């Protein structure tokens, strides 16, 4: 099991400027995550998602996070 706080901590460690929102969709291992970060500026959506996945790679590999619905954007 992974906590919302841990997910936020892992993402903000990789993307220090990020604002992260985490919601449980089903149980504690199906998550909806929204990340707004200036580090995404000029990157494709795929590259943005790859950055977030890299921050959570161990949790995804161990299936502490079984499903991840991800939304990324740059700040206005």
PDB file of N, CA and C in Angstrom:
ATOM      1  N   UNK A   1       0.845  -1.191   0.000  1.00  0.00           N
ATOM      2  CA  UNK A   1       0.000   0.000   0.000  1.00  0.00           C
ATOM      3  C   UNK A   1       0.880   1.240   0.000  1.00  0.00           C
ATOM      4  N   UNK A   2       0.481   2.219  -0.781  1.00  0.00           N
ATOM      5  CA  UNK A   2       1.196   3.481  -0.848  1.00  0.00           C
ATOM      6  C   UNK A   2       0.240   4.604  -0.452  1.00  0.00           C
ATOM      7  N   UNK A   3       0.760   5.585   0.237  1.00  0.00           N
ATOM      8  CA  UNK A   3      -0.077   6.708   0.671  1.00  0.00           C
ATOM      9  C   UNK A   3      -0.028   7.840  -0.352  1.00  0.00           C
ATOM     10  N   UNK A   4      -1.042   8.686  -0.307  1.00  0.00           N
ATOM     11  CA  UNK A   4      -1.069   9.868  -1.170  1.00  0.00           C
ATOM     12  C   UNK A   4       0.151  10.739  -0.895  1.00  0.00           C
ATOM     13  N   UNK A   5       0.497  10.885   0.378  1.00  0.00           N
ATOM     14  CA  UNK A   5       1.638  11.711   0.771  1.00  0.00           C
ATOM     15  C   UNK A   5       2.930  11.196   0.149  1.00  0.00           C
ATOM     16  N   UNK A   6       3.111   9.876   0.134  1.00  0.00           N
ATOM     17  CA  UNK A   6       4.315   9.279  -0.454  1.00  0.00           C
ATOM     18  C   UNK A   6       4.376   9.539  -1.955  1.00  0.00           C
ATOM     19  N   UNK A   7       3.245   9.430  -2.647  1.00  0.00           N
ATOM     20  CA  UNK A   7       3.205   9.696  -4.086  1.00  0.00           C
ATOM     21  C   UNK A   7       3.603  11.151  -4.352  1.00  0.00           C
ATOM     22  N   UNK A   8       3.034  12.062  -3.592  1.00  0.00           N
ATOM     23  CA  UNK A   8       3.350  13.489  -3.753  1.00  0.00           C
ATOM     24  C   UNK A   8       4.838  13.723  -3.498  1.00  0.00           C
ATOM     25  N   UNK A   9       5.375  13.125  -2.451  1.00  0.00           N
ATOM     26  CA  UNK A   9       6.790  13.298  -2.105  1.00  0.00           C
ATOM     27  C   UNK A   9       7.700  12.794  -3.226  1.00  0.00           C
ATOM     28  N   UNK A  10       7.400  11.633  -3.781  1.00  0.00           N
ATOM     29  CA  UNK A  10       8.217  11.067  -4.854  1.00  0.00           C
ATOM     30  C   UNK A  10       8.200  11.943  -6.106  1.00  0.00           C
ATOM     31  N   UNK A  11       7.020  12.451  -6.456  1.00  0.00           N
ATOM     32  CA  UNK A  11       6.913  13.282  -7.658  1.00  0.00           C
ATOM     33  C   UNK A  11       7.593  14.630  -7.447  1.00  0.00           C
ATOM     34  N   UNK A  12       7.395  15.246  -6.288  1.00  0.00           N
ATOM     35  CA  UNK A  12       8.016  16.553  -6.056  1.00  0.00           C
ATOM     36  C   UNK A  12       9.535  16.456  -5.897  1.00  0.00           C
ATOM     37  N   UNK A  13      10.029  15.297  -5.511  1.00  0.00           N
ATOM     38  CA  UNK A  13      11.478  15.094  -5.463  1.00  0.00           C
ATOM     39  C   UNK A  13      12.048  15.141  -6.875  1.00  0.00           C
ATOM     40  N   UNK A  14      11.354  14.526  -7.834  1.00  0.00           N
ATOM     41  CA  UNK A  14      11.794  14.492  -9.232  1.00  0.00           C
ATOM     42  C   UNK A  14      11.498  15.818  -9.944  1.00  0.00           C
ATOM     43  N   UNK A  15      10.368  16.432  -9.597  1.00  0.00           N
ATOM     44  CA  UNK A  15       9.910  17.677 -10.236  1.00  0.00           C
ATOM     45  C   UNK A  15       9.648  18.721  -9.145  1.00  0.00           C
ATOM     46  N   UNK A  16      10.692  19.403  -8.678  1.00  0.00           N
ATOM     47  CA  UNK A  16      10.570  20.283  -7.509  1.00  0.00           C
ATOM     48  C   UNK A  16       9.529  21.403  -7.627  1.00  0.00           C
ATOM     49  N   UNK A  17       9.251  21.868  -8.839  1.00  0.00           N
ATOM     50  CA  UNK A  17       8.284  22.967  -8.977  1.00  0.00           C
ATOM     51  C   UNK A  17       6.836  22.484  -9.038  1.00  0.00           C
ATOM     52  N   UNK A  18       6.640  21.168  -8.966  1.00  0.00           N
ATOM     53  CA  UNK A  18       5.316  20.616  -9.251  1.00  0.00           C
ATOM     54  C   UNK A  18       4.289  20.821  -8.142  1.00  0.00           C
ATOM     55  N   UNK A  19       3.042  20.910  -8.604  1.00  0.00           N
ATOM     56  CA  UNK A  19       1.866  20.867  -7.744  1.00  0.00           C
ATOM     57  C   UNK A  19       1.196  19.535  -8.076  1.00  0.00           C
ATOM     58  N   UNK A  20       0.990  18.716  -7.062  1.00  0.00           N
ATOM     59  CA  UNK A  20       0.505  17.353  -7.289  1.00  0.00           C
ATOM     60  C   UNK A  20      -0.793  17.119  -6.538  1.00  0.00           C
ATOM     61  N   UNK A  21      -1.752  16.525  -7.231  1.00  0.00           N
ATOM     62  CA  UNK A  21      -3.024  16.135  -6.629  1.00  0.00           C
ATOM     63  C   UNK A  21      -3.188  14.633  -6.838  1.00  0.00           C
ATOM     64  N   UNK A  22      -3.531  13.917  -5.762  1.00  0.00           N
ATOM     65  CA  UNK A  22      -3.692  12.462  -5.836  1.00  0.00           C
ATOM     66  C   UNK A  22      -5.062  12.085  -5.283  1.00  0.00           C
ATOM     67  N   UNK A  23      -5.781  11.255  -6.034  1.00  0.00           N
ATOM     68  CA  UNK A  23      -7.074  10.740  -5.583  1.00  0.00           C
ATOM     69  C   UNK A  23      -7.082   9.225  -5.757  1.00  0.00           C
ATOM     70  N   UNK A  24      -7.679   8.542  -4.804  1.00  0.00           N
ATOM     71  CA  UNK A  24      -7.876   7.095  -4.936  1.00  0.00           C
ATOM     72  C   UNK A  24      -9.091   6.863  -5.827  1.00  0.00           C
ATOM     73  N   UNK A  25      -8.914   6.048  -6.852  1.00  0.00           N
ATOM     74  CA  UNK A  25     -10.029   5.698  -7.727  1.00  0.00           C
ATOM     75  C   UNK A  25     -10.721   4.454  -7.185  1.00  0.00           C
ATOM     76  N   UNK A  26      -9.910   3.467  -6.830  1.00  0.00           N
ATOM     77  CA  UNK A  26     -10.430   2.188  -6.329  1.00  0.00           C
ATOM     78  C   UNK A  26      -9.357   1.612  -5.415  1.00  0.00           C
ATOM     79  N   UNK A  27      -9.683   1.465  -4.163  1.00  0.00           N
ATOM     80  CA  UNK A  27      -8.676   0.990  -3.227  1.00  0.00           C
ATOM     81  C   UNK A  27      -7.557   2.009  -3.091  1.00  0.00           C
ATOM     82  N   UNK A  28      -6.416   1.562  -2.606  1.00  0.00           N
ATOM     83  CA  UNK A  28      -5.279   2.467  -2.469  1.00  0.00           C
ATOM     84  C   UNK A  28      -4.236   2.269  -3.549  1.00  0.00           C
ATOM     85  N   UNK A  29      -4.502   1.369  -4.510  1.00  0.00           N
ATOM     86  CA  UNK A  29      -3.505   1.118  -5.543  1.00  0.00           C
ATOM     87  C   UNK A  29      -3.954   1.545  -6.943  1.00  0.00           C
ATOM     88  N   UNK A  30      -5.144   2.116  -7.064  1.00  0.00           N
ATOM     89  CA  UNK A  30      -5.637   2.686  -8.317  1.00  0.00           C
ATOM     90  C   UNK A  30      -5.758   4.196  -8.097  1.00  0.00           C
ATOM     91  N   UNK A  31      -4.882   4.941  -8.745  1.00  0.00           N
ATOM     92  CA  UNK A  31      -4.777   6.368  -8.444  1.00  0.00           C
ATOM     93  C   UNK A  31      -5.035   7.257  -9.656  1.00  0.00           C
ATOM     94  N   UNK A  32      -5.615   8.423  -9.383  1.00  0.00           N
ATOM     95  CA  UNK A  32      -5.754   9.507 -10.353  1.00  0.00           C
ATOM     96  C   UNK A  32      -4.780  10.579  -9.883  1.00  0.00           C
ATOM     97  N   UNK A  33      -3.786  10.901 -10.703  1.00  0.00           N
ATOM     98  CA  UNK A  33      -2.766  11.866 -10.314  1.00  0.00           C
ATOM     99  C   UNK A  33      -2.730  12.996 -11.341  1.00  0.00           C
ATOM    100  N   UNK A  34      -2.757  14.222 -10.843  1.00  0.00           N
ATOM    101  CA  UNK A  34      -2.609  15.412 -11.680  1.00  0.00           C
ATOM    102  C   UNK A  34      -1.329  16.115 -11.253  1.00  0.00           C
ATOM    103  N   UNK A  35      -0.483  16.427 -12.229  1.00  0.00           N
ATOM    104  CA  UNK A  35       0.782  17.088 -11.938  1.00  0.00           C
ATOM    105  C   UNK A  35       0.896  18.332 -12.814  1.00  0.00           C
ATOM    106  N   UNK A  36       1.092  19.468 -12.167  1.00  0.00           N
ATOM    107  CA  UNK A  36       1.331  20.732 -12.868  1.00  0.00           C
ATOM    108  C   UNK A  36       2.770  21.123 -12.547  1.00  0.00           C
ATOM    109  N   UNK A  37       3.609  21.246 -13.587  1.00  0.00           N
ATOM    110  CA  UNK A  37       5.021  21.521 -13.342  1.00  0.00           C
ATOM    111  C   UNK A  37       5.634  22.355 -14.465  1.00  0.00           C
ATOM    112  N   UNK A  38       6.451  23.305 -14.086  1.00  0.00           N
ATOM    113  CA  UNK A  38       7.138  24.128 -15.085  1.00  0.00           C
ATOM    114  C   UNK A  38       8.172  23.301 -15.850  1.00  0.00           C
ATOM    115  N   UNK A  39       8.639  22.195 -15.264  1.00  0.00           N
ATOM    116  CA  UNK A  39       9.588  21.310 -15.954  1.00  0.00           C
ATOM    117  C   UNK A  39       8.992  20.696 -17.222  1.00  0.00           C
ATOM    118  N   UNK A  40       7.684  20.716 -17.355  1.00  0.00           N
ATOM    119  CA  UNK A  40       7.014  20.156 -18.527  1.00  0.00           C
ATOM    120  C   UNK A  40       7.032  21.094 -19.735  1.00  0.00           C
ATOM    121  N   UNK A  41       7.402  22.338 -19.513  1.00  0.00           N
ATOM    122  CA  UNK A  41       7.350  23.334 -20.592  1.00  0.00           C
ATOM    123  C   UNK A  41       8.189  22.876 -21.783  1.00  0.00           C
ATOM    124  N   UNK A  42       7.571  22.852 -22.949  1.00  0.00           N
ATOM    125  CA  UNK A  42       8.242  22.468 -24.183  1.00  0.00           C
ATOM    126  C   UNK A  42       8.336  20.968 -24.425  1.00  0.00           C
ATOM    127  N   UNK A  43       7.839  20.170 -23.484  1.00  0.00           N
ATOM    128  CA  UNK A  43       7.884  18.715 -23.634  1.00  0.00           C
ATOM    129  C   UNK A  43       6.565  18.179 -24.173  1.00  0.00           C
ATOM    130  N   UNK A  44       6.658  17.110 -24.934  1.00  0.00           N
ATOM    131  CA  UNK A  44       5.448  16.447 -25.414  1.00  0.00           C
ATOM    132  C   UNK A  44       4.729  15.801 -24.234  1.00  0.00           C
ATOM    133  N   UNK A  45       3.484  15.461 -24.432  1.00  0.00           N
ATOM    134  CA  UNK A  45       2.700  14.792 -23.394  1.00  0.00           C
ATOM    135  C   UNK A  45       3.361  13.469 -22.988  1.00  0.00           C
ATOM    136  N   UNK A  46       3.882  12.754 -23.956  1.00  0.00           N
ATOM    137  CA  UNK A  46       4.557  11.483 -23.672  1.00  0.00           C
ATOM    138  C   UNK A  46       5.766  11.719 -22.765  1.00  0.00           C
ATOM    139  N   UNK A  47       6.576  12.713 -23.067  1.00  0.00           N
ATOM    140  CA  UNK A  47       7.758  13.022 -22.250  1.00  0.00           C
ATOM    141  C   UNK A  47       7.352  13.470 -20.845  1.00  0.00           C
ATOM    142  N   UNK A  48       6.276  14.237 -20.750  1.00  0.00           N
ATOM    143  CA  UNK A  48       5.778  14.660 -19.438  1.00  0.00           C
ATOM    144  C   UNK A  48       5.408  13.441 -18.598  1.00  0.00           C
ATOM    145  N   UNK A  49       4.674  12.526 -19.200  1.00  0.00           N
ATOM    146  CA  UNK A  49       4.245  11.326 -18.488  1.00  0.00           C
ATOM    147  C   UNK A  49       5.443  10.452 -18.119  1.00  0.00           C
ATOM    148  N   UNK A  50       6.435  10.375 -19.002  1.00  0.00           N
ATOM    149  CA  UNK A  50       7.623   9.581 -18.707  1.00  0.00           C
ATOM    150  C   UNK A  50       8.361  10.112 -17.482  1.00  0.00           C
ATOM    151  N   UNK A  51       8.385  11.428 -17.318  1.00  0.00           N
ATOM    152  CA  UNK A  51       9.016  12.014 -16.128  1.00  0.00           C
ATOM    153  C   UNK A  51       8.299  11.574 -14.853  1.00  0.00           C
ATOM    154  N   UNK A  52       6.985  11.595 -14.887  1.00  0.00           N
ATOM    155  CA  UNK A  52       6.215  11.185 -13.709  1.00  0.00           C
ATOM    156  C   UNK A  52       6.388   9.687 -13.458  1.00  0.00           C
ATOM    157  N   UNK A  53       6.309   8.886 -14.521  1.00  0.00           N
ATOM    158  CA  UNK A  53       6.505   7.443 -14.368  1.00  0.00           C
ATOM    159  C   UNK A  53       7.882   7.134 -13.776  1.00  0.00           C
ATOM    160  N   UNK A  54       8.901   7.882 -14.193  1.00  0.00           N
ATOM    161  CA  UNK A  54      10.248   7.631 -13.667  1.00  0.00           C
ATOM    162  C   UNK A  54      10.318   7.940 -12.171  1.00  0.00           C
ATOM    163  N   UNK A  55       9.534   8.896 -11.717  1.00  0.00           N
ATOM    164  CA  UNK A  55       9.503   9.212 -10.283  1.00  0.00           C
ATOM    165  C   UNK A  55       8.829   8.106  -9.480  1.00  0.00           C
ATOM    166  N   UNK A  56       7.946   7.360 -10.130  1.00  0.00           N
ATOM    167  CA  UNK A  56       7.163   6.325  -9.447  1.00  0.00           C
ATOM    168  C   UNK A  56       7.541   4.909  -9.895  1.00  0.00           C
ATOM    169  N   UNK A  57       8.696   4.753 -10.554  1.00  0.00           N
ATOM    170  CA  UNK A  57       9.025   3.474 -11.189  1.00  0.00           C
ATOM    171  C   UNK A  57       9.052   2.297 -10.217  1.00  0.00           C
ATOM    172  N   UNK A  58       9.594   2.479  -9.029  1.00  0.00           N
ATOM    173  CA  UNK A  58       9.650   1.369  -8.071  1.00  0.00           C
ATOM    174  C   UNK A  58       8.255   0.972  -7.591  1.00  0.00           C
ATOM    175  N   UNK A  59       7.417   1.972  -7.356  1.00  0.00           N
ATOM    176  CA  UNK A  59       6.053   1.709  -6.878  1.00  0.00           C
ATOM    177  C   UNK A  59       5.214   1.043  -7.958  1.00  0.00           C
ATOM    178  N   UNK A  60       5.442   1.407  -9.219  1.00  0.00           N
ATOM    179  CA  UNK A  60       4.736   0.763 -10.322  1.00  0.00           C
ATOM    180  C   UNK A  60       5.253  -0.660 -10.531  1.00  0.00           C
ATOM    181  N   UNK A  61       6.561  -0.854 -10.451  1.00  0.00           N
ATOM    182  CA  UNK A  61       7.152  -2.184 -10.655  1.00  0.00           C
ATOM    183  C   UNK A  61       6.714  -3.168  -9.568  1.00  0.00           C
ATOM    184  N   UNK A  62       6.609  -2.688  -8.344  1.00  0.00           N
ATOM    185  CA  UNK A  62       6.222  -3.561  -7.229  1.00  0.00           C
ATOM    186  C   UNK A  62       4.707  -3.711  -7.123  1.00  0.00           C
ATOM    187  N   UNK A  63       3.987  -2.976  -7.958  1.00  0.00           N
ATOM    188  CA  UNK A  63       2.522  -2.920  -7.970  1.00  0.00           C
ATOM    189  C   UNK A  63       1.932  -2.339  -6.688  1.00  0.00           C
ATOM    190  N   UNK A  64       2.727  -1.537  -5.967  1.00  0.00           N
ATOM    191  CA  UNK A  64       2.154  -0.728  -4.887  1.00  0.00           C
ATOM    192  C   UNK A  64       1.146   0.230  -5.523  1.00  0.00           C
ATOM    193  N   UNK A  65       1.455   0.640  -6.766  1.00  0.00           N
ATOM    194  CA  UNK A  65       0.489   1.357  -7.607  1.00  0.00           C
ATOM    195  C   UNK A  65       0.156   0.402  -8.741  1.00  0.00           C
ATOM    196  N   UNK A  66      -1.080  -0.059  -8.764  1.00  0.00           N
ATOM    197  CA  UNK A  66      -1.504  -1.030  -9.780  1.00  0.00           C
ATOM    198  C   UNK A  66      -1.991  -0.338 -11.047  1.00  0.00           C
ATOM    199  N   UNK A  67      -2.696   0.786 -10.874  1.00  0.00           N
ATOM    200  CA  UNK A  67      -3.220   1.540 -12.011  1.00  0.00           C
ATOM    201  C   UNK A  67      -3.015   3.027 -11.752  1.00  0.00           C
ATOM    202  N   UNK A  68      -2.614   3.743 -12.798  1.00  0.00           N
ATOM    203  CA  UNK A  68      -2.336   5.167 -12.659  1.00  0.00           C
ATOM    204  C   UNK A  68      -2.972   5.934 -13.811  1.00  0.00           C
ATOM    205  N   UNK A  69      -3.970   6.750 -13.468  1.00  0.00           N
ATOM    206  CA  UNK A  69      -4.560   7.672 -14.441  1.00  0.00           C
ATOM    207  C   UNK A  69      -3.837   8.995 -14.250  1.00  0.00           C
ATOM    208  N   UNK A  70      -3.163   9.456 -15.282  1.00  0.00           N
ATOM    209  CA  UNK A  70      -2.256  10.588 -15.151  1.00  0.00           C
ATOM    210  C   UNK A  70      -2.663  11.745 -16.039  1.00  0.00           C
ATOM    211  N   UNK A  71      -2.661  12.942 -15.448  1.00  0.00           N
ATOM    212  CA  UNK A  71      -2.900  14.175 -16.191  1.00  0.00           C
ATOM    213  C   UNK A  71      -1.748  15.100 -15.873  1.00  0.00           C
ATOM    214  N   UNK A  72      -1.100  15.633 -16.922  1.00  0.00           N
ATOM    215  CA  UNK A  72       0.010  16.567 -16.713  1.00  0.00           C
ATOM    216  C   UNK A  72      -0.263  17.858 -17.472  1.00  0.00           C
ATOM    217  N   UNK A  73       0.260  18.957 -16.922  1.00  0.00           N
ATOM    218  CA  UNK A  73       0.135  20.253 -17.596  1.00  0.00           C
ATOM    219  C   UNK A  73       1.175  21.211 -17.058  1.00  0.00           C
ATOM    220  N   UNK A  74       1.377  22.291 -17.809  1.00  0.00           N
ATOM    221  CA  UNK A  74       2.281  23.343 -17.350  1.00  0.00           C
ATOM    222  C   UNK A  74       1.467  24.423 -16.656  1.00  0.00           C
ATOM    223  N   UNK A  75       2.086  25.167 -15.733  1.00  0.00           N
ATOM    224  CA  UNK A  75       1.340  26.226 -15.043  1.00  0.00           C
ATOM    225  C   UNK A  75       0.982  27.356 -16.006  1.00  0.00           C
ATOM    226  N   UNK A  76      -0.095  28.062 -15.699  1.00  0.00           N
ATOM    227  CA  UNK A  76      -0.515  29.207 -16.534  1.00  0.00           C
ATOM    228  C   UNK A  76       0.298  30.427 -16.224  1.00  0.00           C
TER     229      UNK A  76
END
